[in-house]
Amino acid sequence: KAPCPTLRGPVFDSSVLMTAAAASGLGVALAPAAMFSRDLAAERLIRPFDIEVALGGYWLTRLHSRPDSPAMSAFRDWVMQDTALGIG
């Protein structure tokens, strides 16, 4: 069996932590520009390349055993309206 490659350097499971580390000079981060527009505007982060990778999708889920409540319906409708308008 071939050995598993080891990861070098810090590994983060959060975009916020990853970009905070990059802003502190610990390396680079691949992160969605829309989430960090304030950091980019303040030049705490920079875009070294003028490209943007399309992000994946999101799933809004609930348990089948849990009926739709008015609050769940309102939240779902708000998310769907917001994304349809390109706001979020």
Protein backbone atom coordinates (compact mmCIF):
# COMPACT_ATOMS: atom_id res chain seq x y z
CA LYS A 1 0.00 0.00 0.00
CA ALA A 2 1.23 3.47 -0.87
CA PRO A 3 1.38 5.89 2.05
CA CYS A 4 -1.21 8.67 2.16
CA PRO A 5 0.24 12.07 1.32
CA THR A 6 0.45 14.40 4.27
CA LEU A 7 -0.91 17.90 4.15
CA ARG A 8 1.56 20.73 4.49
CA GLY A 9 0.81 23.92 6.31
CA PRO A 10 -2.39 24.92 8.05
CA VAL A 11 -5.73 23.46 6.97
CA PHE A 12 -8.98 25.30 7.72
CA ASP A 13 -12.58 24.12 7.58
CA SER A 14 -13.97 27.67 7.53
CA SER A 15 -13.68 30.33 4.82
CA VAL A 16 -13.62 33.00 7.51
CA LEU A 17 -10.66 31.42 9.33
CA MET A 18 -8.87 30.72 6.07
CA THR A 19 -9.15 34.30 4.82
CA ALA A 20 -8.21 35.69 8.25
CA ALA A 21 -5.03 33.62 8.08
CA ALA A 22 -4.32 34.90 4.56
CA ALA A 23 -4.94 38.50 5.67
CA SER A 24 -2.45 37.91 8.50
CA GLY A 25 0.21 36.91 5.98
CA LEU A 26 0.09 33.15 6.54
CA GLY A 27 -0.49 32.26 2.88
CA VAL A 28 -3.13 32.37 0.19
CA ALA A 29 -6.79 31.41 0.29
CA LEU A 30 -9.25 30.30 -2.37
CA ALA A 31 -12.43 31.99 -1.22
CA PRO A 32 -15.59 33.44 -2.75
CA ALA A 33 -14.99 37.13 -3.46
CA ALA A 34 -18.60 38.05 -2.72
CA MET A 35 -18.23 36.90 0.89
CA PHE A 36 -15.15 39.03 1.46
CA SER A 37 -15.88 42.20 -0.53
CA ARG A 38 -15.18 44.42 2.50
CA ASP A 39 -11.77 42.81 3.02
CA LEU A 40 -11.01 43.26 -0.67
CA ALA A 41 -12.15 46.90 -0.64
CA ALA A 42 -10.02 47.62 2.44
CA GLU A 43 -7.11 45.77 0.79
CA ARG A 44 -6.77 43.36 3.72
CA LEU A 45 -7.08 40.75 0.97
CA ILE A 46 -6.10 41.07 -2.69
CA ARG A 47 -7.09 39.15 -5.80
CA PRO A 48 -3.84 37.99 -7.39
CA PHE A 49 -5.71 36.80 -10.50
CA ASP A 50 -8.66 38.30 -12.35
CA ILE A 51 -10.62 35.04 -12.45
CA GLU A 52 -13.50 33.71 -10.42
CA VAL A 53 -14.52 30.09 -10.10
CA ALA A 54 -18.24 29.32 -10.15
CA LEU A 55 -19.45 28.15 -6.78
CA GLY A 56 -21.45 25.02 -6.19
CA GLY A 57 -25.06 24.95 -5.16
CA TYR A 58 -26.79 24.91 -1.82
CA TRP A 59 -29.54 22.65 -0.54
CA LEU A 60 -32.31 23.75 1.79
CA THR A 61 -33.53 20.65 3.58
CA ARG A 62 -35.80 19.54 6.40
CA LEU A 63 -36.72 16.22 7.94
CA HIS A 64 -39.63 14.38 6.27
CA SER A 65 -40.94 13.68 9.76
CA ARG A 66 -41.19 17.40 10.50
CA PRO A 67 -44.08 19.19 8.79
CA ASP A 68 -43.54 22.57 7.17
CA SER A 69 -44.18 25.32 9.74
CA PRO A 70 -45.16 28.89 8.85
CA ALA A 71 -41.66 30.03 9.88
CA MET A 72 -40.00 27.39 7.65
CA SER A 73 -42.21 28.38 4.71
CA ALA A 74 -41.47 32.08 5.22
CA PHE A 75 -37.72 31.41 5.39
CA ARG A 76 -37.80 29.18 2.28
CA ASP A 77 -39.81 31.77 0.34
CA TRP A 78 -37.42 34.55 1.41
CA VAL A 79 -34.34 32.54 0.35
CA MET A 80 -35.91 31.63 -2.99
CA GLN A 81 -36.94 35.25 -3.68
CA ASP A 82 -33.54 36.61 -2.64
CA THR A 83 -31.60 34.19 -4.84
CA ALA A 84 -33.94 34.69 -7.80
CA LEU A 85 -33.22 38.42 -7.63
CA GLY A 86 -29.48 37.78 -7.46
CA ILE A 87 -29.21 39.52 -4.08
CA GLY A 88 -27.74 36.71 -2.01
